[in-house]
Structure formats: C-alpha cells, structure tokens
Protein backbone atom coordinates (compact mmCIF):
# COMPACT_ATOMS: atom_id res chain seq x y z
CA MET A 1 8.50 37.66 -66.36
CA SER A 2 7.64 37.61 -62.24
CA PRO A 3 8.91 39.99 -59.85
CA ARG A 4 10.99 37.42 -58.25
CA SER A 5 13.07 36.82 -61.50
CA ARG A 6 13.16 40.19 -62.12
CA ALA A 7 15.04 40.64 -58.73
CA GLY A 8 18.01 38.78 -59.87
CA LYS A 9 18.89 41.63 -62.14
CA MET A 10 19.32 44.75 -60.13
CA PRO A 11 19.28 47.46 -62.95
CA ASP A 12 15.68 46.48 -63.89
CA LEU A 13 14.53 47.06 -60.51
CA ALA A 14 15.34 51.14 -60.91
CA PRO A 15 11.98 53.20 -60.52
CA GLY A 16 11.57 56.41 -62.13
CA ARG A 17 14.78 56.57 -64.23
CA LYS A 18 12.51 58.29 -67.38
CA SER A 19 10.38 60.52 -65.99
CA GLY A 20 10.46 63.88 -67.41
CA LEU A 21 10.45 65.43 -63.88
CA GLU A 22 10.66 69.11 -62.73
CA SER A 23 12.89 69.61 -60.07
CA ALA A 24 12.08 72.53 -57.60
CA GLY A 25 15.19 74.30 -56.73
CA THR A 26 17.59 72.21 -58.56
CA PRO A 27 19.10 72.81 -62.05
CA SER A 28 17.50 70.92 -64.88
CA GLY A 29 19.20 68.81 -67.36
CA PRO A 30 20.69 65.53 -68.17
CA GLU A 31 22.72 65.57 -65.07
CA GLN A 32 21.52 64.06 -61.78
CA PRO A 33 20.27 66.38 -59.19
CA PRO A 34 22.56 66.77 -55.93
CA SER A 35 22.21 65.41 -52.79
CA GLN A 36 20.22 67.25 -49.79
CA PRO A 37 23.35 68.06 -47.99
CA ASP A 38 24.78 69.34 -51.05
CA LEU A 39 21.99 71.55 -51.76
CA ALA A 40 21.86 72.81 -48.44
CA LYS A 41 25.50 73.81 -48.26
CA SER A 42 25.50 75.46 -52.03
CA LEU A 43 22.13 77.47 -51.87
CA GLY A 44 22.44 78.06 -48.24
CA ASP A 45 19.01 76.51 -47.24
CA PRO A 46 17.33 77.80 -44.38
CA GLY A 47 16.89 74.21 -43.02
CA ARG A 48 20.61 74.16 -41.92
CA ARG A 49 21.00 77.78 -40.87
CA ARG A 50 21.88 77.66 -36.95
CA GLY A 51 21.46 80.58 -34.95
CA ASP A 52 17.99 81.36 -34.01
CA ARG A 53 16.59 78.53 -35.86
CA LEU A 54 16.33 74.90 -34.69
CA SER A 55 18.84 72.05 -36.03
CA LEU A 56 17.13 69.80 -38.36
CA ALA A 57 17.64 66.98 -35.64
CA SER A 58 15.62 69.23 -33.07
CA GLN A 59 12.89 70.08 -35.58
CA ARG A 60 12.30 66.19 -36.50
CA LYS A 61 11.92 65.62 -32.56
CA LEU A 62 9.63 68.43 -32.63
CA TYR A 63 7.57 67.83 -35.56
CA LEU A 64 7.32 63.88 -34.17
CA LEU A 65 6.29 65.28 -30.88
CA ALA A 66 3.67 67.47 -32.40
CA SER A 67 2.15 64.71 -34.38
CA GLY A 68 2.22 62.23 -31.73
CA MET A 69 0.35 64.68 -29.25
CA SER A 70 -2.07 65.21 -32.14
CA THR A 71 -2.87 61.51 -32.44
CA ALA A 72 -3.41 60.79 -29.25
CA GLY A 73 -6.29 63.38 -29.01
CA SER A 74 -7.64 62.23 -32.28
CA PHE A 75 -7.82 58.67 -30.80
CA ALA A 76 -9.78 60.15 -27.74
CA GLY A 77 -12.28 61.68 -30.10
CA LEU A 78 -12.55 58.53 -32.21
CA THR A 79 -13.10 56.42 -29.17
CA ALA A 80 -15.76 58.78 -27.99
CA LYS A 81 -17.40 58.90 -31.11
CA SER A 82 -17.51 55.06 -31.59
CA TRP A 83 -18.87 54.66 -28.05
CA ILE A 84 -21.46 57.03 -28.51
CA LEU A 85 -22.54 55.33 -31.60
CA LEU A 86 -22.43 51.69 -30.32
CA HIS A 87 -24.56 53.02 -27.09
CA ASN A 88 -26.86 54.51 -29.22
CA SER A 89 -27.33 51.81 -32.01
CA GLY A 90 -25.65 48.57 -30.62
CA ASN A 91 -25.33 47.77 -34.35
CA ALA A 92 -21.90 46.53 -35.59
CA LEU A 93 -22.55 48.07 -38.89
CA ILE A 94 -22.51 51.29 -37.83
CA LEU A 95 -19.26 51.11 -36.30
CA ALA A 96 -17.81 49.67 -39.42
CA LEU A 97 -19.43 52.44 -41.23
CA HIS A 98 -17.90 55.07 -38.87
CA PHE A 99 -14.86 53.72 -39.22
CA GLY A 100 -15.30 53.29 -43.03
CA CYS A 101 -15.97 57.21 -43.12
CA LEU A 102 -12.89 57.87 -41.79
CA ALA A 103 -10.71 55.50 -43.54
CA LEU A 104 -12.50 54.77 -47.19
CA PRO A 105 -11.82 58.36 -48.66
CA SER A 106 -8.52 57.41 -49.14
CA LEU A 107 -9.26 54.68 -51.72
CA VAL A 108 -10.85 58.02 -53.92
CA LEU A 109 -8.64 60.69 -52.57
CA SER A 110 -5.35 59.29 -52.15
CA GLY A 111 -4.42 59.26 -55.74
CA PRO A 112 -5.43 62.83 -56.35
CA ALA A 113 -3.62 63.75 -53.05
CA GLY A 114 -0.40 62.20 -54.14
CA VAL A 115 -0.60 63.97 -57.70
CA ALA A 116 -1.21 67.34 -55.75
CA THR A 117 1.44 67.05 -53.21
CA ASP A 118 3.92 66.31 -55.96
CA ARG A 119 2.91 68.98 -58.29
CA LEU A 120 2.15 71.93 -55.79
CA GLY A 121 4.62 70.79 -53.05
CA CYS A 122 4.13 69.15 -49.85
CA GLU A 123 4.30 71.69 -47.21
CA LYS A 124 1.58 73.82 -48.96
CA VAL A 125 -0.54 70.61 -49.34
CA LEU A 126 0.33 69.60 -45.67
CA ILE A 127 -0.64 72.99 -43.96
CA ARG A 128 -4.07 73.11 -45.97
CA ALA A 129 -4.96 69.47 -44.93
CA GLN A 130 -4.32 70.47 -41.27
CA TRP A 131 -6.78 73.16 -41.36
CA GLY A 132 -9.43 71.09 -42.95
CA LEU A 133 -8.69 68.40 -40.01
CA PHE A 134 -9.28 71.18 -37.44
CA GLY A 135 -12.51 72.19 -38.93
CA ALA A 136 -13.48 68.56 -39.71
CA ALA A 137 -13.42 67.75 -35.93
CA LEU A 138 -14.73 70.96 -34.63
CA LEU A 139 -17.70 70.08 -36.42
CA GLY A 140 -18.15 66.62 -34.43
CA ALA A 141 -17.43 68.67 -31.21
CA LEU A 142 -20.56 71.13 -31.98
CA ALA A 143 -23.01 68.46 -32.74
CA ILE A 144 -23.06 67.03 -29.43
CA PRO A 145 -24.50 69.84 -27.50
CA LEU A 146 -26.61 71.32 -30.55
CA LEU A 147 -28.21 67.94 -31.97
CA GLN A 148 -29.71 64.80 -30.92
CA GLY A 149 -30.83 61.55 -31.66
CA GLN A 150 -30.54 60.76 -35.87
CA LEU A 151 -29.32 64.00 -36.40
CA GLN A 152 -26.23 63.99 -34.05
CA VAL A 153 -25.38 60.57 -35.53
CA ALA A 154 -25.56 62.02 -39.07
CA MET A 155 -23.54 64.89 -38.06
CA LEU A 156 -20.91 62.63 -36.00
CA LEU A 157 -20.56 60.69 -39.38
CA LEU A 158 -20.36 63.63 -41.62
CA SER A 159 -17.41 64.78 -39.11
CA THR A 160 -15.40 61.62 -39.44
CA LEU A 161 -16.09 61.42 -43.21
CA LEU A 162 -14.52 65.12 -43.49
CA VAL A 163 -11.53 64.06 -41.08
CA GLY A 164 -11.02 61.39 -43.46
CA VAL A 165 -10.98 63.48 -46.64
CA ALA A 166 -8.22 65.97 -45.10
CA SER A 167 -6.22 63.15 -43.86
CA SER A 168 -5.85 61.71 -47.24
CA TYR A 169 -4.05 64.88 -47.99
CA GLU A 170 -2.03 65.18 -44.87
CA LEU A 171 -0.70 61.33 -44.92
CA THR A 172 0.45 61.82 -48.42
CA ALA A 173 1.91 65.28 -47.76
CA ARG A 174 3.37 64.12 -44.79
CA ASN A 175 5.16 61.31 -46.00
CA LYS A 176 7.21 63.41 -48.58
CA TYR A 177 7.61 66.34 -46.18
CA SER A 178 9.38 64.23 -43.89
CA ALA A 179 12.20 63.86 -46.41
CA LEU A 180 13.31 67.45 -46.50
CA LEU A 181 13.82 67.31 -42.60
CA VAL A 182 16.34 64.69 -43.01
CA GLU A 183 19.99 65.64 -44.23
CA ASP A 184 21.21 62.02 -45.08
CA PRO A 185 18.56 60.22 -47.50
CA GLU A 186 20.31 56.88 -45.95
CA HIS A 187 18.44 57.98 -42.40
CA LEU A 188 15.18 58.50 -44.19
CA GLY A 189 13.75 55.02 -43.51
CA ARG A 190 14.32 55.06 -39.66
CA TYR A 191 12.79 58.94 -39.54
CA ILE A 192 9.42 57.51 -41.31
CA ALA A 193 9.70 54.38 -39.33
CA SER A 194 9.51 56.83 -36.16
CA PHE A 195 6.03 58.12 -37.16
CA SER A 196 4.69 54.51 -37.00
CA VAL A 197 6.01 54.54 -33.24
CA VAL A 198 5.13 58.09 -32.01
CA PHE A 199 1.25 57.19 -34.23
CA ASN A 200 0.92 54.08 -32.33
CA VAL A 201 2.23 55.60 -29.03
CA GLY A 202 -0.86 58.13 -29.56
CA LYS A 203 -2.94 55.63 -30.12
CA LEU A 204 -1.84 53.70 -26.64
CA ILE A 205 -2.64 56.90 -24.70
CA GLY A 206 -5.65 58.28 -26.86
CA PRO A 207 -8.39 55.45 -26.41
CA PRO A 208 -8.17 55.26 -22.35
CA LEU A 209 -7.99 59.04 -22.43
CA GLY A 210 -11.10 59.31 -24.30
CA GLY A 211 -13.05 56.66 -22.18
CA TRP A 212 -11.89 58.61 -19.21
CA LEU A 213 -13.07 61.78 -20.53
CA LEU A 214 -16.26 60.11 -21.43
CA ALA A 215 -17.02 58.85 -17.96
CA LEU A 216 -15.75 62.36 -16.38
CA GLY A 217 -16.45 64.90 -18.44
CA GLY A 218 -18.85 63.92 -21.20
CA PRO A 219 -18.49 63.42 -24.93
CA THR A 220 -18.33 67.03 -25.89
CA THR A 221 -15.07 67.38 -23.56
CA ALA A 222 -13.35 64.45 -25.48
CA LEU A 223 -14.21 66.06 -28.87
CA VAL A 224 -13.27 69.18 -28.05
CA LEU A 225 -10.04 68.32 -27.41
CA ASP A 226 -9.87 66.07 -30.47
CA ALA A 227 -10.31 69.21 -32.55
CA ALA A 228 -7.90 71.49 -30.33
CA THR A 229 -4.96 68.80 -30.78
CA TYR A 230 -4.94 69.29 -34.64
CA LEU A 231 -3.53 72.66 -34.12
CA LEU A 232 -0.38 71.70 -32.76
CA PRO A 233 1.25 70.23 -35.60
CA LEU A 234 -0.09 73.16 -37.77
CA ALA A 235 1.58 75.83 -35.48
CA THR A 236 4.60 73.52 -35.76
CA VAL A 237 5.03 73.39 -39.44
CA MET A 238 3.83 77.02 -39.63
CA GLY A 239 6.03 78.70 -37.16
CA LEU A 240 8.78 76.26 -35.90
CA LEU A 241 10.03 74.01 -38.93
CA HIS A 242 12.57 75.33 -41.65
CA PRO A 243 12.95 72.27 -44.03
CA ILE A 244 15.38 71.78 -46.87
CA ARG A 245 12.79 72.89 -49.39
CA SER A 246 15.40 73.31 -51.95
CA ALA A 247 15.95 69.40 -51.96
CA GLU A 248 11.96 68.92 -53.01
CA GLN A 249 11.43 67.78 -56.25
CA ARG A 250 8.13 68.30 -58.15
CA SER A 251 6.69 66.76 -60.95
CA ALA A 252 6.05 68.69 -64.11
CA PRO A 253 2.64 69.35 -65.64
CA GLY A 254 1.18 67.12 -68.19
CA ARG A 255 0.94 63.27 -68.34
CA SER A 256 4.05 63.04 -66.10
CA ALA A 257 2.14 63.99 -63.33
CA SER A 258 -0.39 61.34 -63.03
CA LEU A 259 -0.68 58.40 -60.78
CA GLY A 260 -0.57 56.04 -63.65
CA THR A 261 3.09 57.64 -64.44
CA ALA A 262 4.03 56.63 -60.69
CA TRP A 263 2.66 53.29 -61.21
CA ARG A 264 4.63 52.46 -64.32
CA GLU A 265 7.73 54.14 -63.06
CA CYS A 266 8.06 52.92 -59.71
CA GLY A 267 9.27 49.44 -60.84
CA PRO A 268 7.94 45.77 -60.38
CA VAL A 269 9.19 45.49 -56.96
CA LEU A 270 7.05 48.06 -55.64
CA ARG A 271 3.97 47.22 -57.90
CA HIS A 272 4.42 43.78 -56.41
CA VAL A 273 4.64 45.25 -52.67
CA LEU A 274 1.45 47.24 -53.60
CA ARG A 275 -0.66 44.47 -54.58
CA PHE A 276 0.41 42.05 -52.10
CA THR A 277 -0.58 44.76 -49.33
CA ALA A 278 -4.15 45.13 -50.65
CA ILE A 279 -4.86 41.36 -50.80
CA ALA A 280 -3.41 41.22 -46.97
CA THR A 281 -5.19 44.25 -45.71
CA LEU A 282 -8.39 42.71 -46.92
CA VAL A 283 -8.12 39.62 -44.94
CA GLY A 284 -6.04 41.10 -42.01
CA PHE A 285 -6.66 44.29 -41.28
CA PHE A 286 -10.23 45.02 -39.96
CA HIS A 287 -9.84 45.10 -36.26
CA PRO A 288 -9.73 49.28 -35.91
CA GLY A 289 -13.25 49.26 -37.33
CA LEU A 290 -14.59 46.46 -35.22
CA ALA A 291 -12.64 47.48 -32.15
CA PRO A 292 -15.89 48.36 -29.73
CA LEU A 293 -17.42 45.09 -30.94
CA ILE A 294 -14.50 42.82 -30.38
CA ALA A 295 -13.75 44.86 -26.63
CA ARG A 296 -17.43 43.94 -25.93
CA GLN A 297 -16.96 40.07 -26.43
CA VAL A 298 -13.65 40.27 -24.71
CA LEU A 299 -13.82 42.66 -22.03
CA GLY A 300 -17.47 44.42 -21.83
CA PRO A 301 -19.49 47.15 -22.86
CA SER A 302 -17.84 50.12 -20.90
CA PRO A 303 -16.12 52.81 -22.59
CA GLN A 304 -13.07 51.97 -19.98
CA ALA A 305 -13.18 48.29 -21.59
CA LEU A 306 -12.94 49.67 -25.37
CA GLY A 307 -10.05 52.08 -24.16
CA ILE A 308 -8.21 48.95 -22.36
CA PHE A 309 -8.56 46.79 -25.83
CA THR A 310 -7.37 49.17 -28.21
CA SER A 311 -4.47 50.53 -25.65
CA VAL A 312 -3.62 46.58 -25.96
CA LEU A 313 -3.53 46.43 -29.84
CA ALA A 314 -1.71 49.62 -29.85
CA ALA A 315 1.39 48.19 -27.35
CA GLY A 316 1.52 45.51 -30.11
CA SER A 317 1.55 48.31 -32.93
CA ILE A 318 4.39 50.19 -30.85
CA CYS A 319 6.35 47.10 -30.27
CA GLY A 320 6.03 45.83 -34.21
CA GLY A 321 6.83 49.63 -35.13
CA MET A 322 10.05 49.78 -32.71
CA ALA A 323 11.09 46.55 -34.46
CA LEU A 324 10.92 47.90 -38.29
CA GLN A 325 12.43 51.25 -37.10
CA ARG A 326 15.67 49.31 -35.59
CA ASN A 327 16.01 47.35 -38.76
CA SER A 328 14.38 49.79 -41.46
CA ALA A 329 17.47 49.45 -43.60
CA TRP A 330 17.69 45.70 -43.89
CA LEU A 331 14.11 44.62 -43.86
CA THR A 332 12.98 47.60 -46.94
CA ALA A 333 15.79 45.74 -48.89
CA ARG A 334 13.73 42.51 -48.45
CA PRO A 335 10.23 43.11 -49.08
CA GLY A 336 8.99 39.98 -49.36
CA LEU A 337 10.62 38.54 -46.42
CA LEU A 338 8.78 41.47 -44.20
CA LEU A 339 5.39 41.80 -45.62
CA GLY A 340 5.20 38.03 -45.70
CA SER A 341 5.83 37.51 -42.23
CA CYS A 342 3.67 40.65 -41.01
CA THR A 343 0.72 38.53 -42.92
CA LEU A 344 1.74 35.10 -41.50
CA LEU A 345 2.06 36.60 -37.65
CA THR A 346 -1.50 38.55 -38.26
CA ALA A 347 -3.29 35.40 -39.35
CA LEU A 348 -1.95 33.33 -36.44
CA ALA A 349 -3.34 35.74 -34.21
CA GLN A 350 -6.60 35.85 -35.75
CA LEU A 351 -6.77 31.95 -35.49
CA GLY A 352 -5.63 32.25 -32.02
CA MET A 353 -8.66 34.43 -31.47
CA ALA A 354 -11.23 32.29 -32.87
CA THR A 355 -9.70 29.35 -30.96
CA GLY A 356 -9.00 30.85 -27.56
CA ALA A 357 -12.64 32.49 -27.29
CA GLY A 358 -13.57 32.79 -23.42
CA HIS A 359 -10.04 33.09 -22.45
CA LEU A 360 -9.27 36.56 -21.38
CA ALA A 361 -5.29 36.14 -21.37
CA ILE A 362 -5.10 34.37 -24.53
CA GLU A 363 -7.38 36.65 -26.55
CA LEU A 364 -5.22 40.00 -25.11
CA VAL A 365 -2.13 38.11 -26.26
CA MET A 366 -3.56 37.63 -29.65
CA THR A 367 -4.77 41.23 -29.77
CA PHE A 368 -1.25 42.21 -28.88
CA LEU A 369 0.33 40.20 -31.93
CA ILE A 370 -2.52 41.42 -34.14
CA GLY A 371 -1.05 45.07 -33.15
CA ALA A 372 2.44 44.05 -34.53
CA GLY A 373 1.56 42.32 -37.27
CA THR A 374 -0.53 44.87 -38.93
CA ALA A 375 1.28 47.92 -37.90
CA CYS A 376 4.32 46.28 -39.48
CA LEU A 377 2.63 45.69 -42.76
CA LEU A 378 1.17 49.03 -42.94
CA ALA A 379 4.06 50.93 -41.97
CA GLY A 380 6.58 48.62 -44.17
CA THR A 381 4.79 48.95 -47.23
CA ASN A 382 4.60 52.73 -46.32
CA LEU A 383 8.42 52.67 -45.76
CA ILE A 384 9.16 50.32 -48.91
CA GLY A 385 7.63 52.96 -50.91
CA GLN A 386 8.93 56.17 -49.92
CA VAL A 387 12.78 54.48 -49.68
CA GLY A 388 12.11 52.71 -53.24
CA ALA A 389 11.06 55.57 -55.05
CA PRO A 390 12.88 58.89 -56.18
CA MET A 391 11.66 62.24 -54.66
CA ALA A 392 9.58 63.35 -57.18
CA LEU A 393 7.47 60.32 -57.07
CA ARG A 394 6.92 60.03 -52.92
CA GLY A 395 3.85 62.11 -52.91
CA ARG A 396 1.89 59.91 -55.46
CA MET A 397 3.73 56.63 -54.17
CA ALA A 398 2.43 57.51 -50.60
CA GLY A 399 -1.28 57.89 -52.23
CA LEU A 400 -0.94 54.43 -53.83
CA GLY A 401 0.30 52.80 -50.65
CA GLN A 402 -2.87 54.49 -48.95
CA ILE A 403 -4.85 52.87 -52.12
CA ALA A 404 -3.32 49.60 -51.17
CA PHE A 405 -4.48 50.09 -47.40
CA LEU A 406 -8.09 49.80 -48.89
CA GLY A 407 -9.02 52.70 -47.22
CA GLY A 408 -6.92 52.27 -43.92
CA GLY A 409 -8.93 48.85 -43.34
CA GLY A 410 -12.06 50.35 -43.80
CA LEU A 411 -13.75 48.16 -46.73
CA SER A 412 -11.99 45.16 -44.79
CA GLY A 413 -13.80 46.34 -41.60
CA ILE A 414 -17.34 46.56 -43.56
CA ALA A 415 -16.37 42.97 -45.10
CA ALA A 416 -15.51 41.80 -41.74
CA ALA A 417 -18.66 43.17 -40.25
CA LEU A 418 -20.91 41.52 -42.47
CA LEU A 419 -19.16 38.12 -42.32
CA SER A 420 -19.64 38.21 -38.62
CA ALA A 421 -23.02 39.14 -38.93
CA ARG A 422 -23.55 35.68 -41.03
CA ILE A 423 -21.31 33.34 -38.80
CA GLY A 424 -20.29 35.23 -35.92
CA LEU A 425 -17.08 37.07 -34.77
CA GLY A 426 -15.13 33.71 -34.15
CA GLY A 427 -16.02 32.20 -37.28
CA ALA A 428 -14.84 35.64 -39.06
CA PHE A 429 -11.60 35.36 -37.58
CA ALA A 430 -11.02 31.49 -38.14
CA LEU A 431 -11.87 32.16 -42.01
CA LEU A 432 -9.82 35.42 -42.43
CA GLY A 433 -7.04 33.81 -40.59
CA ALA A 434 -6.86 30.74 -42.38
CA ILE A 435 -7.02 32.53 -45.60
CA GLY A 436 -4.05 35.34 -44.31
CA PHE A 437 -1.92 31.93 -43.29
CA VAL A 438 -1.91 30.74 -46.80
CA LEU A 439 -1.22 34.26 -48.27
CA GLY A 440 1.60 35.08 -45.88
CA LEU A 441 3.34 31.74 -46.22
CA GLY A 442 3.03 31.55 -49.95
CA GLU A 443 4.80 35.25 -49.87
CA LEU A 444 7.69 34.06 -47.95
CA VAL A 445 8.14 30.78 -49.95
CA LEU A 446 7.58 32.64 -53.46
CA GLN A 447 9.19 36.12 -52.59
CA GLY A 448 11.17 35.61 -49.57
CA ARG A 449 14.45 36.53 -51.57
CA LEU A 450 13.32 39.36 -53.60
CA ARG A 451 15.25 42.33 -53.02
CA LEU A 452 14.83 45.99 -53.66
CA LEU A 453 17.58 48.41 -54.30
CA PRO A 454 17.06 52.31 -53.47
CA PRO A 455 16.78 54.56 -56.30
CA THR A 456 19.69 56.70 -54.82
CA SER A 457 22.23 53.68 -55.13
CA LEU A 458 21.00 53.02 -58.55
CA ARG A 459 21.69 56.51 -59.65
CA SER A 460 25.00 56.71 -58.27
CA ASP A 461 25.82 53.27 -60.01
CA GLU A 462 24.69 54.84 -63.42
CA SER A 463 26.53 57.88 -63.06
CA HIS A 464 29.53 56.01 -62.08
CA ALA A 465 28.95 53.66 -65.34
CA GLU A 466 28.64 56.78 -67.61
CA ALA A 467 31.84 58.53 -66.03
CA GLN A 468 33.77 55.31 -67.07
C-alpha cells in the first residue's frame, strides 16, 4: 500500500506507538506521560523557575543568538579555508573534497549520533559535541602559521573532517534539546524552524566577513575567529540554560534503542519523506560544495566575490526559512506539498542558471531562488521528522534526516563536480535541473494531498477512545 493511500487512514500514520521506550523523569507504565507543562509544574523543573534564572522564552532567544553568532564565525572560517584551497590548487575536486570532509561524516555518524542522543541524553551529547567542534576548528587555525604546502592543505582538510564528525553529534542533539526549551509542544515546529532562519543569517554574515578578514588580516585571523565562536553556544548551554530536563524521554537499552527501530516505528509518511529527500538532495543540493567555482564564473576569482555569492545564496535561504517558520504548522501537516514545491523551485532555478549564463542579474536571482528552495527542503524535512515523531525517537529521527541529506550535500557535491568536469558547469545545471523538475512535479501530483498527524494528537485521540 502506497504512502498516499495510507494517508486516508489517519490512525495508520501514528509513529512509535509500541516502542518499549524508557522515559527519563516520567513514570513508567501503560499510561501516557504527561505533557511538558504538566511535568514542569508537578516536579518543580528548573526550566520553569523564575527569580535568578531566565524564563524559558528568554533562554530560547539566548540560545538562538549564541547559535547564530557561532554560525557566522563558522562560515567565515569555511570561506577562508575554501579560498585558500582554491587559491593553492584551482581544482574544483579539491573544493568538493573539502565540503565532503565537512558533510559526509554525517552519512556514517548521524545514525550512531541519534542513538547516543536518545540513549544518553541530548544535553550530555550536545556539550561533548561542542567541545569537539572547538578543538577541531582550533587545529585548522594552527595549520596556517605552522605548516606550508601540501601538509597545510592536508591539515586543513583534517580539521574540516573533525568538524564534520563533531557536527554530526551536535545537530542531532540540538534538535532534541530544543524541545526541552519549549513549554507547549504545539510551538515546537516554529522554534525549530527559527534555527533555520538564524543559521542562514549567520551564513549571510559569515562569508563576507571571512572574505574581508582574509583580505585585511590573513587566513589565521579568520580561522581563529572560527574556533572562538564555538565557545559561545557551549558557554550558553553549560552556564545559562535550564531546560525542562524532566520532559526528556530516552530509549531503553537493547534493540529498541537502534536506528532500525526508529525507522520502523516512525510511520509510513516519515519514511516517505526521508526517501524523497535523499533523492531530491542528490540532484538539487550541491551548491555549497561548488560555491567557489560557481562564484568564480559569476562574479570573479576574489575572496570578496565568493563572499557576495554565498551571501546571495544565504539571503534566499533566510527568506525561505522565514516563510517556513510562519507557516510551519500548516506545511508540516502537508509533507508532499512542502517537499515537492521546494524541489520544483530549486530545479527551475538550476535551469535558469544554465540558460542565463553570462547575465549577472539572472544568475544572482537564480542563486537567490536556489537558496530559498534548498533551505525549505532541508529545514522542512528536519521539521517534519521532529514534529511527527515522539520524543524518545527524535534523536534518531534527526540522525535519519542527516543521512537523507546525503551528508549535507557532500555526496551530491562530489557527483556534481565530476559531472561539471565532463560536460561543464552549465551542462551540470541543465541536466540536474531537468531531473529535479520531473521529481518535484511528480511529488506534487502523486503526494500533494498526503497528510501527517502529530503523535501528540494521535495519543490524545487514543486515550480519549480508551476512556470511553
């Protein structure tokens, strides 16, 4: 039976009804655990206390701010590394390899990261991952003054690889941790979508900052800033945030804690979302890895040109993320419509890049649309996975989502680089855009009416039926 036909039977879409899950801080037994506000009220949770501690609303804003500042510094460092590698080699495959070192570890490690998050607790995994990010970024900063030539290139790639490893754990833990800062589960989608906006604001500010730091202070300055900004969210989580820890549910030891269990129990709609996203990412999300190459063709070879190009891409991502944030409840309930529209928009923009080569205004507009389409695709998939899954599965659902992104576009970036080496960058845009157009249109036609019911609503319906 197809996911579309299953969508008409809403009870069949319930993810994770029989999971044998262990709840941290909640009583075990056949009864459903209370909601987060009830837990905080009955157990006196630190996240709800006033006085010398910040309110949960203030904590959410503070965590978003720290994450945004860290993202800006991170993208400044990545821009610096990309320009150094392009300047020394002039090889698009090196650029794709650099982005692959950042993104591809999530293909291998996002699954174990999700399992660790659900088993050990999201806060513990998050803190360890942020320390790892700081150490890996510091290694790249030390490579500039201490090494030269191929050794320097190898150390920069190693630094980026270690950042990718730590990021795999940080992303999965952060998604689940965010739910502990939200009192009302109905507002979870909007808060998680806010991270997409903040992330892309940082991506907008970071690349030109990295370009100017390269021009004015050199690569060491940019990479030291990259390392230092990882301390901001770390200090915030360790010293300022007091989430509703009693609301976290962890998986029990054994087979119920595996990634395969999460895949089976998440439901047919979420499985369809993950499959479609993996295919859409392969043909539509290769631009971050090839950004220096595309920027050189559109604007020129300077580091400032790379910063401008990636900022236009980020501006589109911000607009897409804001649209998703404002309509998060409506769009997450319609996954086929959301993902199909994003894929179609990205494909049309890719075709525009192929046909508008040599026209700066057209290429910049298409770059903006690519940013909007890919941001909504990735953030939408993550949002659907978190809102549509029960708390005890959310770490592993975040891991499955990162796997569906094919390493954040790393695998698709390498494929696009190989393709552009054979048929040219314009030919790669045309071919992948045509495939994406068929894929997005097919999703809208076949799955546009697909619906997803949040697990909290389903549990409420079931409890009401049992009471009768």
